Amino acid sequence: MSQCRSLKRSDTLLLHNPQTPSCYTTLRHPPVTQPSDTLLLHNPQTPSCYTTLRHPPATQPSDTLLLHNPQTPSCYTTLRHPPATQPSDTLLLHNPQTPSCYTTLRHPPATQPSDTLLLHNPQTPSSYTTLRHPPATQPSDTLLLHNPQTPFCYTTLRHPPARQPSDTLLLHNPQTPSCYTTLRHPPATQPSDTLLLHNPQTPSC
């Protein structure tokens, strides 16, 4: 924690896997003066691309941090921070509207530079993707959401501007520009409602 005390407005915190030192993203840490203020999840290589991390007060162990898009105030997910007692413990990416629906951010040991962090759903243990962080050398470079089981199959996480409440963040593969999915954040009114990871090109998939 002592390393975080002298942060400047322009400084960034690394979301980093020490096992793979060349792989990271940055967590912008601007001053927070209001409960509604947000921390930026930002890629310095693409300054116009970012999402925001809402940081409301937490008073209970079950309280969560909001992953929120200020362009679409009614749209958000939550980042659970349960206690971790084992190296295999995970942080929950959880939607309070659908308590039985969540994924986990695994941090398995990595022994090679090409190793990745798992975005894994414990409900479907054989189903997961991995978050690759290749070096970015151009403003158009993106972070890969990649499945090592299908090495030719991946998408990239783009953050285009959103101007309408119905606008979505694109999970997009620049190699196949006509192929993408969108991260919709529709209002949830029933416990069974979920946030959609949906490909408009293949609506039945």
Protein backbone atom coordinates (compact mmCIF):
# COMPACT_ATOMS: atom_id res chain seq x y z
CA MET A 1 0.00 0.00 0.00
CA SER A 2 2.91 2.38 0.67
CA GLN A 3 3.69 2.40 -3.05
CA CYS A 4 0.31 4.05 -3.71
CA ARG A 5 0.67 7.07 -1.44
CA SER A 6 2.57 9.37 -3.80
CA LEU A 7 0.40 8.93 -6.89
CA LYS A 8 0.00 11.87 -9.22
CA ARG A 9 -3.03 12.62 -11.36
CA SER A 10 -1.32 11.23 -14.46
CA ASP A 11 0.10 8.16 -12.73
CA THR A 12 -1.22 4.71 -13.46
CA LEU A 13 -1.43 1.53 -11.41
CA LEU A 14 -0.51 -1.72 -13.11
CA LEU A 15 -2.98 -4.61 -13.33
CA HIS A 16 -0.07 -6.97 -13.73
CA ASN A 17 0.84 -10.65 -13.56
CA PRO A 18 4.36 -10.88 -12.06
CA GLN A 19 4.74 -14.28 -13.71
CA THR A 20 4.45 -12.62 -17.12
CA PRO A 21 6.23 -9.23 -16.70
CA SER A 22 5.57 -8.16 -20.28
CA CYS A 23 1.81 -8.53 -19.82
CA TYR A 24 -0.24 -5.80 -18.17
CA THR A 25 -2.91 -3.15 -18.41
CA THR A 26 -3.02 0.07 -16.41
CA LEU A 27 -5.50 1.34 -13.85
CA ARG A 28 -5.77 5.13 -13.97
CA HIS A 29 -6.06 6.62 -10.49
CA PRO A 30 -7.43 10.18 -10.71
CA PRO A 31 -8.38 12.02 -7.50
CA VAL A 32 -11.70 10.87 -6.04
CA THR A 33 -13.66 13.57 -4.21
CA GLN A 34 -17.25 12.42 -4.66
CA PRO A 35 -18.93 9.03 -4.12
CA SER A 36 -19.84 9.11 -7.80
CA ASP A 37 -16.25 9.67 -8.93
CA THR A 38 -14.71 6.85 -10.90
CA LEU A 39 -11.35 5.21 -11.51
CA LEU A 40 -10.44 4.77 -15.16
CA LEU A 41 -9.59 1.34 -16.58
CA HIS A 42 -7.46 2.82 -19.34
CA ASN A 43 -5.02 1.72 -22.03
CA PRO A 44 -2.35 4.45 -22.41
CA GLN A 45 -1.69 3.20 -25.94
CA THR A 46 -5.24 4.10 -26.90
CA PRO A 47 -6.05 7.27 -24.90
CA SER A 48 -9.56 7.55 -26.32
CA CYS A 49 -10.43 4.03 -25.12
CA TYR A 50 -11.49 3.39 -21.54
CA THR A 51 -14.15 2.20 -19.16
CA THR A 52 -14.67 3.39 -15.61
CA LEU A 53 -14.51 1.63 -12.26
CA ARG A 54 -17.09 3.06 -9.85
CA HIS A 55 -15.84 3.17 -6.27
CA PRO A 56 -18.81 3.47 -3.87
CA PRO A 57 -18.29 3.09 -0.12
CA ALA A 58 -18.18 -0.53 1.05
CA THR A 59 -19.43 -1.33 4.54
CA GLN A 60 -20.00 -5.08 4.29
CA PRO A 61 -17.79 -7.95 3.06
CA SER A 62 -20.44 -8.58 0.43
CA ASP A 63 -20.34 -4.99 -0.88
CA THR A 64 -19.08 -4.60 -4.42
CA LEU A 65 -17.27 -2.13 -6.68
CA LEU A 66 -19.23 -1.11 -9.76
CA LEU A 67 -17.82 -1.61 -13.27
CA HIS A 68 -19.84 1.24 -14.77
CA ASN A 69 -20.12 3.13 -18.07
CA PRO A 70 -20.92 6.83 -17.38
CA GLN A 71 -22.44 7.07 -20.86
CA THR A 72 -25.02 4.50 -19.87
CA PRO A 73 -25.70 5.19 -16.15
CA SER A 74 -28.21 2.36 -15.80
CA CYS A 75 -25.67 -0.18 -17.03
CA TYR A 76 -23.16 -1.83 -14.76
CA THR A 77 -21.69 -5.03 -13.39
CA THR A 78 -19.97 -5.51 -10.07
CA LEU A 79 -16.51 -6.68 -9.04
CA ARG A 80 -16.70 -8.84 -5.93
CA HIS A 81 -13.65 -8.92 -3.63
CA PRO A 82 -14.11 -12.01 -1.43
CA PRO A 83 -11.35 -12.97 1.02
CA ALA A 84 -8.60 -15.03 -0.59
CA THR A 85 -6.84 -17.61 1.56
CA GLN A 86 -5.41 -19.88 -1.10
CA PRO A 87 -3.33 -19.22 -4.24
CA SER A 88 -6.19 -20.73 -6.21
CA ASP A 89 -8.79 -18.33 -4.76
CA THR A 90 -10.44 -16.00 -7.25
CA LEU A 91 -12.07 -12.58 -7.52
CA LEU A 92 -15.71 -12.75 -8.58
CA LEU A 93 -17.07 -10.81 -11.56
CA HIS A 94 -20.65 -10.90 -10.28
CA ASN A 95 -24.05 -9.43 -11.20
CA PRO A 96 -26.13 -8.85 -8.03
CA GLN A 97 -29.28 -9.04 -10.16
CA THR A 98 -28.40 -12.62 -11.02
CA PRO A 99 -26.73 -13.99 -7.85
CA SER A 100 -26.31 -17.47 -9.29
CA CYS A 101 -24.60 -16.10 -12.39
CA TYR A 102 -20.95 -15.10 -12.25
CA THR A 103 -17.49 -15.69 -13.63
CA THR A 104 -14.19 -15.72 -11.81
CA LEU A 105 -10.86 -14.12 -12.54
CA ARG A 106 -8.33 -16.87 -12.03
CA HIS A 107 -4.64 -16.14 -11.43
CA PRO A 108 -3.00 -19.49 -12.12
CA PRO A 109 0.80 -19.81 -12.05
CA ALA A 110 2.39 -18.78 -15.34
CA THR A 111 5.70 -20.27 -16.37
CA GLN A 112 5.99 -18.92 -19.91
CA PRO A 113 5.67 -15.38 -21.34
CA SER A 114 2.79 -16.68 -23.43
CA ASP A 115 0.87 -17.90 -20.36
CA THR A 116 -2.43 -16.15 -19.73
CA LEU A 117 -4.89 -15.29 -16.96
CA LEU A 118 -8.13 -17.27 -17.11
CA LEU A 119 -11.58 -15.66 -17.36
CA HIS A 120 -13.42 -18.75 -16.13
CA ASN A 121 -16.98 -19.71 -15.25
CA PRO A 122 -17.05 -22.26 -12.39
CA GLN A 123 -20.54 -23.32 -13.46
CA THR A 124 -19.09 -24.56 -16.73
CA PRO A 125 -15.54 -25.65 -15.80
CA SER A 126 -14.68 -26.67 -19.34
CA SER A 127 -15.66 -23.26 -20.68
CA TYR A 128 -13.33 -20.29 -20.42
CA THR A 129 -11.35 -17.70 -22.31
CA THR A 130 -7.99 -16.17 -21.49
CA LEU A 131 -6.93 -12.57 -21.27
CA ARG A 132 -3.83 -12.00 -23.35
CA HIS A 133 -1.83 -8.77 -22.97
CA PRO A 134 0.47 -8.57 -26.00
CA PRO A 135 2.69 -5.49 -26.45
CA ALA A 136 0.95 -2.59 -28.19
CA THR A 137 2.98 -0.54 -30.65
CA GLN A 138 0.22 1.30 -32.51
CA PRO A 139 -2.74 3.38 -31.29
CA SER A 140 -4.99 0.86 -33.03
CA ASP A 141 -3.50 -2.10 -31.15
CA THR A 142 -5.88 -3.96 -28.86
CA LEU A 143 -5.86 -6.41 -25.96
CA LEU A 144 -6.73 -9.97 -26.95
CA LEU A 145 -9.50 -12.04 -25.34
CA HIS A 146 -8.12 -15.39 -26.46
CA ASN A 147 -8.95 -19.06 -25.96
CA PRO A 148 -5.80 -21.25 -25.97
CA GLN A 149 -7.94 -24.26 -26.86
CA THR A 150 -8.79 -22.60 -30.17
CA PRO A 151 -5.60 -20.64 -30.98
CA PHE A 152 -7.02 -19.18 -34.19
CA CYS A 153 -10.11 -17.93 -32.40
CA TYR A 154 -10.06 -14.66 -30.49
CA THR A 155 -11.64 -11.25 -30.13
CA THR A 156 -10.23 -7.92 -29.03
CA LEU A 157 -11.60 -5.52 -26.47
CA ARG A 158 -12.31 -2.21 -28.19
CA HIS A 159 -13.78 0.80 -26.34
CA PRO A 160 -15.44 3.03 -28.98
CA PRO A 161 -17.27 6.21 -27.90
CA ALA A 162 -20.87 5.69 -26.76
CA ARG A 163 -23.41 8.44 -27.52
CA GLN A 164 -26.69 6.71 -26.82
CA PRO A 165 -27.92 4.71 -23.80
CA SER A 166 -28.36 1.78 -26.16
CA ASP A 167 -24.77 2.00 -27.38
CA THR A 168 -22.54 -0.94 -26.51
CA LEU A 169 -18.87 -1.69 -26.01
CA LEU A 170 -17.51 -3.86 -28.81
CA LEU A 171 -15.72 -7.16 -28.28
CA HIS A 172 -14.24 -6.99 -31.77
CA ASN A 173 -11.71 -8.84 -33.90
CA PRO A 174 -9.91 -6.40 -36.24
CA GLN A 175 -8.78 -9.34 -38.36
CA THR A 176 -12.39 -10.11 -39.19
CA PRO A 177 -14.11 -6.68 -39.10
CA SER A 178 -17.53 -8.14 -39.87
CA CYS A 179 -17.28 -10.46 -36.88
CA TYR A 180 -17.86 -9.13 -33.39
CA THR A 181 -19.89 -9.42 -30.23
CA THR A 182 -21.26 -6.65 -28.07
CA LEU A 183 -21.41 -6.27 -24.31
CA ARG A 184 -24.98 -5.18 -23.69
CA HIS A 185 -26.02 -3.81 -20.30
CA PRO A 186 -29.84 -3.93 -20.46
CA PRO A 187 -31.87 -3.18 -17.32
CA ALA A 188 -32.52 -6.27 -15.19
CA THR A 189 -35.96 -6.58 -13.62
CA GLN A 190 -36.01 -10.29 -12.81
CA PRO A 191 -33.55 -12.44 -10.80
CA SER A 192 -33.10 -14.52 -13.92
CA ASP A 193 -32.11 -11.52 -16.07
CA THR A 194 -28.52 -11.53 -17.29
CA LEU A 195 -26.00 -9.29 -19.02
CA LEU A 196 -25.62 -10.42 -22.61
CA LEU A 197 -22.36 -11.43 -24.27
CA HIS A 198 -24.04 -11.51 -27.67
CA ASN A 199 -22.97 -11.77 -31.29
CA PRO A 200 -25.52 -9.95 -33.50
CA GLN A 201 -24.12 -11.77 -36.52
CA THR A 202 -25.03 -15.14 -35.05
CA PRO A 203 -28.07 -14.46 -32.83
CA SER A 204 -28.63 -18.13 -32.04
CA CYS A 205 -25.10 -18.61 -30.69
